[in-house]
Protein backbone atom coordinates (compact mmCIF):
# COMPACT_ATOMS: atom_id res chain seq x y z
CA UNK A 1 -17.39 -17.40 -6.73
CA UNK A 2 -14.14 -18.50 -5.09
CA UNK A 3 -12.68 -16.35 -2.32
CA UNK A 4 -9.77 -14.17 -3.43
CA UNK A 5 -7.38 -12.49 -1.00
CA UNK A 6 -5.60 -9.42 -2.30
CA UNK A 7 -6.19 -6.84 -5.00
CA UNK A 8 -8.55 -7.50 -7.89
CA UNK A 9 -6.72 -7.17 -11.24
CA UNK A 10 -7.84 -4.07 -13.10
CA UNK A 11 -9.42 -2.42 -10.03
CA UNK A 12 -7.18 0.43 -8.82
CA UNK A 13 -7.43 2.19 -5.48
CA UNK A 14 -9.96 5.00 -5.79
CA UNK A 15 -12.22 3.09 -8.20
CA UNK A 16 -15.86 4.02 -7.61
CA UNK A 17 -19.07 2.02 -7.89
CA UNK A 18 -22.68 3.23 -7.82
CA UNK A 19 -24.04 0.40 -5.68
CA UNK A 20 -23.32 -2.94 -4.03
CA UNK A 21 -24.34 -4.92 -7.12
CA UNK A 22 -21.54 -3.25 -9.08
CA UNK A 23 -19.14 -4.01 -6.24
CA UNK A 24 -20.11 -7.66 -6.52
CA UNK A 25 -19.81 -7.69 -10.32
CA UNK A 26 -16.28 -6.30 -10.01
CA UNK A 27 -15.50 -8.99 -7.36
CA UNK A 28 -14.34 -6.29 -4.93
CA UNK A 29 -16.95 -7.27 -2.32
CA UNK A 30 -19.23 -10.24 -2.99
CA UNK A 31 -22.10 -9.87 -0.44
CA UNK A 32 -24.77 -7.34 -1.40
CA UNK A 33 -25.73 -6.66 2.23
CA UNK A 34 -23.17 -8.01 4.72
CA UNK A 35 -20.28 -5.74 5.64
CA UNK A 36 -17.81 -8.60 6.01
CA UNK A 37 -17.10 -11.09 3.23
CA UNK A 38 -15.40 -14.18 4.62
CA UNK A 39 -15.63 -17.38 6.59
CA UNK A 40 -14.41 -18.48 9.99
CA UNK A 41 -12.13 -21.09 8.37
CA UNK A 42 -10.66 -19.09 5.48
CA UNK A 43 -10.59 -15.51 6.77
CA UNK A 44 -12.13 -12.29 5.43
CA UNK A 45 -11.33 -11.20 1.88
CA UNK A 46 -13.15 -7.82 2.00
CA UNK A 47 -15.17 -5.41 4.13
CA UNK A 48 -17.36 -2.39 3.42
CA UNK A 49 -17.51 0.65 5.70
CA UNK A 50 -21.15 1.65 5.43
CA UNK A 51 -21.72 3.82 8.50
CA UNK A 52 -23.77 1.20 10.33
CA UNK A 53 -21.72 1.07 13.52
CA UNK A 54 -21.28 4.08 15.80
CA UNK A 55 -17.93 2.91 17.19
CA UNK A 56 -16.05 2.88 13.86
CA UNK A 57 -12.96 5.09 13.71
CA UNK A 58 -11.48 6.04 10.33
CA UNK A 59 -8.14 7.87 10.13
CA UNK A 60 -7.41 6.98 6.53
CA UNK A 61 -4.34 4.77 6.75
CA UNK A 62 -5.59 3.37 10.08
CA UNK A 63 -9.15 2.13 10.60
CA UNK A 64 -10.61 0.78 13.83
CA UNK A 65 -13.44 -1.35 12.51
CA UNK A 66 -16.39 -2.58 14.58
CA UNK A 67 -17.35 -6.21 14.14
CA UNK A 68 -20.78 -7.43 13.14
CA UNK A 69 -23.78 -8.55 15.16
CA UNK A 70 -25.85 -7.42 18.11
CA UNK A 71 -27.81 -4.67 16.33
CA UNK A 72 -31.58 -4.23 16.23
CA UNK A 73 -32.51 -4.62 12.53
CA UNK A 74 -35.28 -2.01 12.87
CA UNK A 75 -33.49 0.76 14.80
CA UNK A 76 -29.87 -0.07 13.97
CA UNK A 77 -28.95 0.31 17.65
CA UNK A 78 -26.58 -2.06 19.43
CA UNK A 79 -28.83 -4.06 21.77
CA UNK A 80 -26.67 -7.04 22.77
CA UNK A 81 -23.01 -8.10 22.88
CA UNK A 82 -21.18 -9.20 19.77
CA UNK A 83 -19.63 -12.67 19.57
CA UNK A 84 -16.39 -13.83 17.98
CA UNK A 85 -18.16 -15.85 15.29
CA UNK A 86 -18.82 -15.68 11.52
CA UNK A 87 -17.39 -12.47 10.03
CA UNK A 88 -15.77 -11.40 13.29
CA UNK A 89 -13.92 -14.69 13.57
CA UNK A 90 -12.97 -14.40 9.89
CA UNK A 91 -11.22 -11.07 10.57
CA UNK A 92 -9.49 -12.64 13.59
CA UNK A 93 -8.15 -15.31 11.23
CA UNK A 94 -6.73 -12.53 9.04
CA UNK A 95 -4.91 -11.20 12.11
CA UNK A 96 -3.56 -14.66 12.93
CA UNK A 97 -2.46 -15.55 9.41
CA UNK A 98 -1.45 -12.12 8.08
CA UNK A 99 -4.05 -12.15 5.29
CA UNK A 100 -4.84 -8.85 3.52
CA UNK A 101 -8.40 -7.55 3.37
CA UNK A 102 -9.90 -5.28 0.70
CA UNK A 103 -11.56 -2.17 2.15
CA UNK A 104 -14.33 -0.16 0.48
CA UNK A 105 -15.95 2.98 1.88
CA UNK A 106 -19.59 3.87 1.29
CA UNK A 107 -21.00 7.39 1.14
CA UNK A 108 -23.00 6.82 4.34
CA UNK A 109 -19.81 6.10 6.28
CA UNK A 110 -19.10 9.25 8.33
CA UNK A 111 -15.52 9.96 7.34
CA UNK A 112 -13.54 12.58 5.47
CA UNK A 113 -12.28 9.73 3.29
CA UNK A 114 -15.73 8.54 2.17
CA UNK A 115 -17.08 9.29 -1.33
CA UNK A 116 -19.90 11.76 -1.86
CA UNK A 117 -22.00 9.04 -3.47
CA UNK A 118 -21.85 5.30 -4.00
CA UNK A 119 -18.76 3.32 -2.98
CA UNK A 120 -15.01 3.80 -3.34
CA UNK A 121 -12.38 1.08 -3.15
CA UNK A 122 -9.74 2.12 -0.58
CA UNK A 123 -7.15 -0.60 -1.19
CA UNK A 124 -5.61 -3.42 0.85
CA UNK A 125 -5.29 -3.32 4.63
CA UNK A 126 -3.91 -5.77 7.14
CA UNK A 127 -5.58 -6.69 10.43
CA UNK A 128 -2.98 -5.58 12.94
CA UNK A 129 -4.93 -6.35 16.11
CA UNK A 130 -8.32 -7.45 17.43
CA UNK A 131 -9.84 -7.18 20.88
CA UNK A 132 -13.08 -6.89 22.84
CA UNK A 133 -14.27 -3.70 24.54
CA UNK A 134 -17.47 -2.02 25.75
CA UNK A 135 -18.86 0.23 23.01
CA UNK A 136 -20.83 3.47 23.20
CA UNK A 137 -24.03 1.47 23.59
CA UNK A 138 -22.77 -0.21 26.77
CA UNK A 139 -22.55 -3.62 25.10
CA UNK A 140 -19.30 -5.46 24.40
CA UNK A 141 -18.16 -5.30 20.79
CA UNK A 142 -15.26 -6.64 18.77
CA UNK A 143 -12.76 -4.14 17.35
CA UNK A 144 -10.25 -4.66 14.55
CA UNK A 145 -7.34 -2.30 13.91
CA UNK A 146 -6.61 -2.17 10.17
CA UNK A 147 -3.52 -0.54 8.69
CA UNK A 148 -3.17 0.30 5.03
CA UNK A 149 -0.73 -1.70 2.93
CA UNK A 150 1.29 0.39 0.51
CA UNK A 151 1.33 -0.81 -3.08
CA UNK A 152 4.82 -1.52 -4.33
CA UNK A 153 6.24 -2.87 -7.56
CA UNK A 154 9.01 -5.25 -6.56
CA UNK A 155 12.14 -5.11 -8.70
CA UNK A 156 13.39 -8.26 -10.36
CA UNK A 157 15.74 -10.23 -8.17
CA UNK A 158 19.01 -11.93 -9.18
CA UNK A 159 18.44 -14.30 -12.07
CA UNK A 160 14.88 -13.07 -12.68
CA UNK A 161 13.51 -11.26 -15.69
CA UNK A 162 11.47 -8.11 -15.20
CA UNK A 163 8.33 -10.03 -16.07
CA UNK A 164 8.92 -12.80 -13.53
CA UNK A 165 6.11 -13.34 -11.05
CA UNK A 166 6.77 -11.80 -7.63
CA UNK A 167 4.52 -12.30 -4.64
CA UNK A 168 4.13 -9.68 -1.94
CA UNK A 169 5.00 -10.92 1.54
CA UNK A 170 2.92 -9.50 4.40
CA UNK A 171 4.54 -9.36 7.83
CA UNK A 172 1.95 -10.04 10.50
CA UNK A 173 3.57 -8.22 13.46
CA UNK A 174 6.04 -5.40 13.80
CA UNK A 175 8.62 -5.99 16.54
CA UNK A 176 9.58 -2.52 17.81
CA UNK A 177 13.02 -2.03 19.39
CA UNK A 178 13.09 1.30 21.27
CA UNK A 179 15.36 2.44 24.07
CA UNK A 180 12.73 1.38 26.63
CA UNK A 181 12.41 -2.03 24.98
CA UNK A 182 16.17 -2.56 24.94
CA UNK A 183 16.42 -1.59 28.62
CA UNK A 184 13.73 -4.11 29.65
CA UNK A 185 15.32 -6.92 27.65
CA UNK A 186 18.69 -6.13 29.20
CA UNK A 187 17.18 -6.04 32.70
CA UNK A 188 15.95 -9.61 32.25
CA UNK A 189 19.12 -10.73 30.48
CA UNK A 190 16.90 -11.56 27.49
CA UNK A 191 14.99 -14.21 29.45
CA UNK A 192 11.24 -14.62 28.95
CA UNK A 193 9.24 -13.54 32.01
CA UNK A 194 6.84 -16.45 31.43
CA UNK A 195 9.02 -19.47 30.61
CA UNK A 196 12.53 -18.23 31.41
CA UNK A 197 13.84 -19.11 27.93
CA UNK A 198 16.92 -17.21 26.70
CA UNK A 199 17.37 -17.61 22.96
CA UNK A 200 20.93 -17.59 21.65
CA UNK A 201 21.51 -16.56 18.03
CA UNK A 202 24.65 -16.02 15.97
CA UNK A 203 24.19 -12.31 16.67
CA UNK A 204 23.70 -12.76 20.42
CA UNK A 205 20.78 -13.25 22.80
CA UNK A 206 17.27 -12.51 21.52
CA UNK A 207 14.00 -11.60 23.23
CA UNK A 208 11.04 -9.37 22.39
CA UNK A 209 9.52 -6.45 24.30
CA UNK A 210 5.73 -6.81 24.44
CA UNK A 211 3.50 -3.81 25.09
CA UNK A 212 0.82 -4.65 27.64
CA UNK A 213 -1.47 -1.86 26.48
CA UNK A 214 -0.93 -1.74 22.70
CA UNK A 215 0.52 1.30 20.98
CA UNK A 216 -1.50 3.39 18.53
CA UNK A 217 -5.18 4.22 18.13
CA UNK A 218 -7.42 3.54 19.91
CA UNK A 219 -5.34 2.07 22.78
CA UNK A 220 -2.61 4.74 22.96
CA UNK A 221 -0.42 2.71 25.28
CA UNK A 222 2.86 4.39 26.25
CA UNK A 223 6.27 3.08 25.20
CA UNK A 224 7.62 2.97 28.76
CA UNK A 225 8.98 0.26 31.05
CA UNK A 226 5.76 0.19 33.08
CA UNK A 227 3.93 -0.98 29.93
CA UNK A 228 6.46 -3.56 28.75
CA UNK A 229 7.19 -7.23 29.27
CA UNK A 230 10.25 -9.21 28.17
CA UNK A 231 8.96 -12.31 26.35
CA UNK A 232 10.18 -15.01 24.01
CA UNK A 233 8.59 -14.87 20.50
CA UNK A 234 6.13 -17.67 21.34
CA UNK A 235 4.77 -16.03 24.47
CA UNK A 236 4.77 -12.62 22.77
CA UNK A 237 2.40 -13.95 20.11
CA UNK A 238 0.22 -15.70 22.70
CA UNK A 239 0.05 -12.52 24.80
CA UNK A 240 -0.81 -10.30 21.82
CA UNK A 241 -3.59 -12.68 20.79
CA UNK A 242 -5.03 -12.88 24.31
CA UNK A 243 -4.21 -16.54 24.86
CA UNK A 244 -3.14 -15.52 28.36
CA UNK A 245 -3.36 -12.42 30.54
CA UNK A 246 -1.80 -11.40 33.85
CA UNK A 247 -3.45 -10.61 37.18
CA UNK A 248 -2.31 -7.69 39.33
CA UNK A 249 -0.48 -10.18 41.58
CA UNK A 250 1.26 -11.52 38.42
CA UNK A 251 -0.58 -14.84 38.40
CA UNK A 252 -1.08 -15.96 34.80
CA UNK A 253 -4.60 -16.44 33.43
CA UNK A 254 -4.82 -18.95 30.58
CA UNK A 255 -1.42 -20.45 31.41
CA UNK A 256 -0.12 -22.09 34.59
CA UNK A 257 2.37 -20.23 36.72
CA UNK A 258 3.37 -16.71 37.68
CA UNK A 259 4.96 -13.89 35.71
CA UNK A 260 8.57 -13.41 36.81
CA UNK A 261 9.15 -9.75 37.72
CA UNK A 262 12.53 -8.14 38.43
CA UNK A 263 12.63 -5.99 41.62
CA UNK A 264 13.59 -2.97 39.51
CA UNK A 265 10.71 -3.42 37.05
CA UNK A 266 7.53 -1.62 38.11
CA UNK A 267 4.62 -2.83 35.98
CA UNK A 268 1.59 -0.52 36.01
CA UNK A 269 -1.47 -2.54 37.12
CA UNK A 270 -3.68 -0.20 35.07
CA UNK A 271 -2.08 -1.56 31.90
CA UNK A 272 -2.55 -5.15 33.08
CA UNK A 273 -6.20 -4.38 33.77
CA UNK A 274 -6.60 -2.89 30.30
CA UNK A 275 -5.16 -6.02 28.70
CA UNK A 276 -7.48 -8.25 30.75
CA UNK A 277 -10.52 -6.16 29.79
CA UNK A 278 -9.66 -6.52 26.10
CA UNK A 279 -8.62 -10.15 26.04
CA UNK A 280 -9.74 -12.07 29.14
CA UNK A 281 -12.90 -13.39 27.45
CA UNK A 282 -11.22 -14.67 24.28
CA UNK A 283 -11.85 -18.39 23.74
CA UNK A 284 -8.88 -20.60 24.45
CA UNK A 285 -8.51 -23.91 22.65
């Protein structure tokens, strides 16, 4: 069967299935055992939350999913570190390319959103972030923050009929512009702290405020100046994906040079350390 990204026609959110064979027949999730359906080149088209990993966090619209690998097949315990390969790398590709992933919950998944029996299709989610951390077992694991995509029927645009095909566009990253973010960008005169670039647009100078410790579960980074950097879009993406990190003395790791820091900008080294712990081991090509 060819890999399909997105919803399966005729399968609404909330559809239930008695077992994994029915999930496969409906093309919601093709593997009958693996929790991640995908490839390292194409990305992941679907996952199943089956209760196998103790570090999973399910808040309904937000899921922090634990990657695969490193478990003892007999005891189910995490006995060695996970690697960014196979299904884990597939989900990382979703993060990079903004691909949606179908999510299904099983009854053995410990969550208030899980069905009493069998499996329930939860809908489309996007991979908003991925990082490495030490799990409850003491071994490093890969985590993936998934956020639910709302279904929407797009109205016909100018010159289109109601029946014209419309394709949903998925935005990979949300660029937040808070008072703290605006203050940091103004402090640096909209110049990137890594490369010094100041982008000029028809609407004025442009830069992005990057959170060192990400916002939201499970990072819970604060939206304050001590947790922000002023970056150009290119270095913002590279920083968010762990292509480079920053030492406490502001030396860059993964890129040559030093982070430029304004005398009035106090960066909390605890947030820099958190970013390094999550991303310092990511492979760089």
